Amino acid sequence: MTRLNSGEIAPKTGEYNVVASNGRVIGTVHVKKGDRMPPTQSSNNHFEIGE
């Protein structure tokens, strides 16, 4: 599982889960390889994509 924060570069194109600080998936975003990850509603949130 790849974990990314807002502003980091996406390593591959795909659907990334938006994960809250409690580990719950709260949404998804589609990001293309090489694009920056979008902002989240909370600085404690992050993105995950399966390998």
PDB file of N, CA and C in Angstrom:
ATOM      1  N   MET A   1       0.855  -1.183   0.000  1.00  0.00           N
ATOM      2  CA  MET A   1       0.000   0.000   0.000  1.00  0.00           C
ATOM      3  C   MET A   1       0.898   1.242   0.000  1.00  0.00           C
ATOM      4  N   THR A   2       0.692   2.108  -0.966  1.00  0.00           N
ATOM      5  CA  THR A   2       1.437   3.365  -1.036  1.00  0.00           C
ATOM      6  C   THR A   2       0.648   4.449  -0.325  1.00  0.00           C
ATOM      7  N   ARG A   3       1.316   5.183   0.564  1.00  0.00           N
ATOM      8  CA  ARG A   3       0.679   6.259   1.325  1.00  0.00           C
ATOM      9  C   ARG A   3       1.283   7.590   0.891  1.00  0.00           C
ATOM     10  N   LEU A   4       0.420   8.547   0.533  1.00  0.00           N
ATOM     11  CA  LEU A   4       0.866   9.859   0.075  1.00  0.00           C
ATOM     12  C   LEU A   4       0.130  10.971   0.810  1.00  0.00           C
ATOM     13  N   ASN A   5       0.761  12.114   0.907  1.00  0.00           N
ATOM     14  CA  ASN A   5       0.142  13.295   1.491  1.00  0.00           C
ATOM     15  C   ASN A   5      -0.147  14.321   0.400  1.00  0.00           C
ATOM     16  N   SER A   6      -0.960  15.291   0.711  1.00  0.00           N
ATOM     17  CA  SER A   6      -1.270  16.372  -0.229  1.00  0.00           C
ATOM     18  C   SER A   6       0.023  17.013  -0.720  1.00  0.00           C
ATOM     19  N   GLY A   7       0.073  17.305  -2.023  1.00  0.00           N
ATOM     20  CA  GLY A   7       1.234  17.965  -2.604  1.00  0.00           C
ATOM     21  C   GLY A   7       2.309  17.030  -3.104  1.00  0.00           C
ATOM     22  N   GLU A   8       2.272  15.765  -2.696  1.00  0.00           N
ATOM     23  CA  GLU A   8       3.266  14.811  -3.188  1.00  0.00           C
ATOM     24  C   GLU A   8       2.912  14.384  -4.611  1.00  0.00           C
ATOM     25  N   ILE A   9       3.890  13.859  -5.332  1.00  0.00           N
ATOM     26  CA  ILE A   9       3.712  13.447  -6.725  1.00  0.00           C
ATOM     27  C   ILE A   9       3.171  12.013  -6.778  1.00  0.00           C
ATOM     28  N   ALA A  10       2.115  11.821  -7.573  1.00  0.00           N
ATOM     29  CA  ALA A  10       1.516  10.486  -7.736  1.00  0.00           C
ATOM     30  C   ALA A  10       2.479   9.579  -8.506  1.00  0.00           C
ATOM     31  N   PRO A  11       2.782   8.394  -7.972  1.00  0.00           N
ATOM     32  CA  PRO A  11       3.700   7.478  -8.647  1.00  0.00           C
ATOM     33  C   PRO A  11       3.064   6.736  -9.823  1.00  0.00           C
ATOM     34  N   LYS A  12       1.726   6.685  -9.850  1.00  0.00           N
ATOM     35  CA  LYS A  12       1.033   6.039 -10.962  1.00  0.00           C
ATOM     36  C   LYS A  12      -0.380   6.583 -11.078  1.00  0.00           C
ATOM     37  N   THR A  13      -0.974   6.407 -12.248  1.00  0.00           N
ATOM     38  CA  THR A  13      -2.338   6.839 -12.492  1.00  0.00           C
ATOM     39  C   THR A  13      -3.296   5.854 -11.827  1.00  0.00           C
ATOM     40  N   GLY A  14      -4.338   6.395 -11.197  1.00  0.00           N
ATOM     41  CA  GLY A  14      -5.329   5.512 -10.598  1.00  0.00           C
ATOM     42  C   GLY A  14      -6.235   6.204  -9.617  1.00  0.00           C
ATOM     43  N   GLU A  15      -7.095   5.396  -9.005  1.00  0.00           N
ATOM     44  CA  GLU A  15      -8.016   5.867  -7.978  1.00  0.00           C
ATOM     45  C   GLU A  15      -7.324   5.757  -6.618  1.00  0.00           C
ATOM     46  N   TYR A  16      -7.208   6.861  -5.937  1.00  0.00           N
ATOM     47  CA  TYR A  16      -6.584   6.907  -4.608  1.00  0.00           C
ATOM     48  C   TYR A  16      -7.670   7.094  -3.562  1.00  0.00           C
ATOM     49  N   ASN A  17      -7.615   6.298  -2.513  1.00  0.00           N
ATOM     50  CA  ASN A  17      -8.539   6.461  -1.393  1.00  0.00           C
ATOM     51  C   ASN A  17      -8.083   7.624  -0.527  1.00  0.00           C
ATOM     52  N   VAL A  18      -9.036   8.442  -0.098  1.00  0.00           N
ATOM     53  CA  VAL A  18      -8.761   9.487   0.883  1.00  0.00           C
ATOM     54  C   VAL A  18      -9.042   8.867   2.247  1.00  0.00           C
ATOM     55  N   VAL A  19      -8.019   8.849   3.118  1.00  0.00           N
ATOM     56  CA  VAL A  19      -8.117   8.153   4.400  1.00  0.00           C
ATOM     57  C   VAL A  19      -8.011   9.159   5.539  1.00  0.00           C
ATOM     58  N   ALA A  20      -8.975   9.104   6.457  1.00  0.00           N
ATOM     59  CA  ALA A  20      -8.986   9.990   7.620  1.00  0.00           C
ATOM     60  C   ALA A  20      -7.977   9.503   8.653  1.00  0.00           C
ATOM     61  N   SER A  21      -7.705  10.336   9.650  1.00  0.00           N
ATOM     62  CA  SER A  21      -6.728   9.998  10.685  1.00  0.00           C
ATOM     63  C   SER A  21      -7.113   8.746  11.469  1.00  0.00           C
ATOM     64  N   ASN A  22      -8.410   8.411  11.493  1.00  0.00           N
ATOM     65  CA  ASN A  22      -8.855   7.202  12.202  1.00  0.00           C
ATOM     66  C   ASN A  22      -8.766   5.952  11.325  1.00  0.00           C
ATOM     67  N   GLY A  23      -8.267   6.091  10.088  1.00  0.00           N
ATOM     68  CA  GLY A  23      -8.093   4.951   9.194  1.00  0.00           C
ATOM     69  C   GLY A  23      -9.278   4.667   8.293  1.00  0.00           C
ATOM     70  N   ARG A  24     -10.350   5.428   8.433  1.00  0.00           N
ATOM     71  CA  ARG A  24     -11.561   5.215   7.632  1.00  0.00           C
ATOM     72  C   ARG A  24     -11.418   5.872   6.261  1.00  0.00           C
ATOM     73  N   VAL A  25     -11.814   5.162   5.206  1.00  0.00           N
ATOM     74  CA  VAL A  25     -11.826   5.726   3.856  1.00  0.00           C
ATOM     75  C   VAL A  25     -13.012   6.677   3.747  1.00  0.00           C
ATOM     76  N   ILE A  26     -12.736   7.935   3.407  1.00  0.00           N
ATOM     77  CA  ILE A  26     -13.796   8.944   3.355  1.00  0.00           C
ATOM     78  C   ILE A  26     -14.066   9.444   1.937  1.00  0.00           C
ATOM     79  N   GLY A  27     -13.362   8.889   0.957  1.00  0.00           N
ATOM     80  CA  GLY A  27     -13.596   9.288  -0.425  1.00  0.00           C
ATOM     81  C   GLY A  27     -12.523   8.735  -1.334  1.00  0.00           C
ATOM     82  N   THR A  28     -12.649   9.040  -2.633  1.00  0.00           N
ATOM     83  CA  THR A  28     -11.639   8.648  -3.611  1.00  0.00           C
ATOM     84  C   THR A  28     -11.401   9.798  -4.569  1.00  0.00           C
ATOM     85  N   VAL A  29     -10.211   9.825  -5.140  1.00  0.00           N
ATOM     86  CA  VAL A  29      -9.874  10.805  -6.176  1.00  0.00           C
ATOM     87  C   VAL A  29      -9.113  10.085  -7.281  1.00  0.00           C
ATOM     88  N   HIS A  30      -9.276  10.556  -8.512  1.00  0.00           N
ATOM     89  CA  HIS A  30      -8.523  10.010  -9.641  1.00  0.00           C
ATOM     90  C   HIS A  30      -7.363  10.967  -9.909  1.00  0.00           C
ATOM     91  N   VAL A  31      -6.145  10.427  -9.896  1.00  0.00           N
ATOM     92  CA  VAL A  31      -4.947  11.245 -10.101  1.00  0.00           C
ATOM     93  C   VAL A  31      -4.077  10.570 -11.160  1.00  0.00           C
ATOM     94  N   LYS A  32      -3.513  11.377 -12.064  1.00  0.00           N
ATOM     95  CA  LYS A  32      -2.622  10.865 -13.102  1.00  0.00           C
ATOM     96  C   LYS A  32      -1.182  10.839 -12.603  1.00  0.00           C
ATOM     97  N   LYS A  33      -0.412   9.878 -13.106  1.00  0.00           N
ATOM     98  CA  LYS A  33       0.995   9.761 -12.760  1.00  0.00           C
ATOM     99  C   LYS A  33       1.707  11.085 -13.015  1.00  0.00           C
ATOM    100  N   GLY A  34       2.478  11.533 -12.044  1.00  0.00           N
ATOM    101  CA  GLY A  34       3.240  12.775 -12.176  1.00  0.00           C
ATOM    102  C   GLY A  34       2.518  14.017 -11.689  1.00  0.00           C
ATOM    103  N   ASP A  35       1.201  13.929 -11.462  1.00  0.00           N
ATOM    104  CA  ASP A  35       0.448  15.069 -10.930  1.00  0.00           C
ATOM    105  C   ASP A  35       0.615  15.124  -9.413  1.00  0.00           C
ATOM    106  N   ARG A  36       0.396  16.315  -8.866  1.00  0.00           N
ATOM    107  CA  ARG A  36       0.448  16.466  -7.406  1.00  0.00           C
ATOM    108  C   ARG A  36      -0.878  16.014  -6.792  1.00  0.00           C
ATOM    109  N   MET A  37      -0.778  15.424  -5.614  1.00  0.00           N
ATOM    110  CA  MET A  37      -1.980  15.007  -4.888  1.00  0.00           C
ATOM    111  C   MET A  37      -2.719  16.268  -4.431  1.00  0.00           C
ATOM    112  N   PRO A  38      -4.047  16.247  -4.528  1.00  0.00           N
ATOM    113  CA  PRO A  38      -4.832  17.440  -4.177  1.00  0.00           C
ATOM    114  C   PRO A  38      -4.880  17.674  -2.668  1.00  0.00           C
ATOM    115  N   PRO A  39      -5.348  18.855  -2.260  1.00  0.00           N
ATOM    116  CA  PRO A  39      -5.509  19.108  -0.825  1.00  0.00           C
ATOM    117  C   PRO A  39      -6.610  18.226  -0.236  1.00  0.00           C
ATOM    118  N   THR A  40      -6.522  17.978   1.065  1.00  0.00           N
ATOM    119  CA  THR A  40      -7.566  17.241   1.781  1.00  0.00           C
ATOM    120  C   THR A  40      -8.269  18.193   2.739  1.00  0.00           C
ATOM    121  N   GLN A  41      -9.407  17.766   3.256  1.00  0.00           N
ATOM    122  CA  GLN A  41     -10.176  18.609   4.169  1.00  0.00           C
ATOM    123  C   GLN A  41      -9.477  18.798   5.502  1.00  0.00           C
ATOM    124  N   SER A  42      -8.615  17.867   5.866  1.00  0.00           N
ATOM    125  CA  SER A  42      -7.884  17.950   7.132  1.00  0.00           C
ATOM    126  C   SER A  42      -6.420  17.611   6.877  1.00  0.00           C
ATOM    127  N   SER A  43      -5.520  18.293   7.563  1.00  0.00           N
ATOM    128  CA  SER A  43      -4.094  18.015   7.376  1.00  0.00           C
ATOM    129  C   SER A  43      -3.710  16.629   7.891  1.00  0.00           C
ATOM    130  N   ASN A  44      -4.589  15.992   8.673  1.00  0.00           N
ATOM    131  CA  ASN A  44      -4.325  14.644   9.176  1.00  0.00           C
ATOM    132  C   ASN A  44      -4.715  13.549   8.186  1.00  0.00           C
ATOM    133  N   ASN A  45      -5.409  13.906   7.105  1.00  0.00           N
ATOM    134  CA  ASN A  45      -5.822  12.930   6.101  1.00  0.00           C
ATOM    135  C   ASN A  45      -4.658  12.624   5.161  1.00  0.00           C
ATOM    136  N   HIS A  46      -4.728  11.472   4.507  1.00  0.00           N
ATOM    137  CA  HIS A  46      -3.724  11.093   3.515  1.00  0.00           C
ATOM    138  C   HIS A  46      -4.397  10.273   2.408  1.00  0.00           C
ATOM    139  N   PHE A  47      -3.607   9.894   1.396  1.00  0.00           N
ATOM    140  CA  PHE A  47      -4.092   9.105   0.268  1.00  0.00           C
ATOM    141  C   PHE A  47      -3.408   7.751   0.271  1.00  0.00           C
ATOM    142  N   GLU A  48      -4.135   6.727  -0.185  1.00  0.00           N
ATOM    143  CA  GLU A  48      -3.561   5.392  -0.317  1.00  0.00           C
ATOM    144  C   GLU A  48      -4.008   4.774  -1.632  1.00  0.00           C
ATOM    145  N   ILE A  49      -3.093   4.012  -2.232  1.00  0.00           N
ATOM    146  CA  ILE A  49      -3.413   3.230  -3.427  1.00  0.00           C
ATOM    147  C   ILE A  49      -2.729   1.886  -3.284  1.00  0.00           C
ATOM    148  N   GLY A  50      -3.424   0.831  -3.694  1.00  0.00           N
ATOM    149  CA  GLY A  50      -2.848  -0.512  -3.625  1.00  0.00           C
ATOM    150  C   GLY A  50      -1.759  -0.696  -4.657  1.00  0.00           C
ATOM    151  N   GLU A  51      -0.871  -1.609  -4.384  1.00  0.00           N
ATOM    152  CA  GLU A  51       0.264  -1.869  -5.297  1.00  0.00           C
ATOM    153  C   GLU A  51      -0.156  -2.738  -6.443  1.00  0.00           C
TER     154      GLU A  51
END
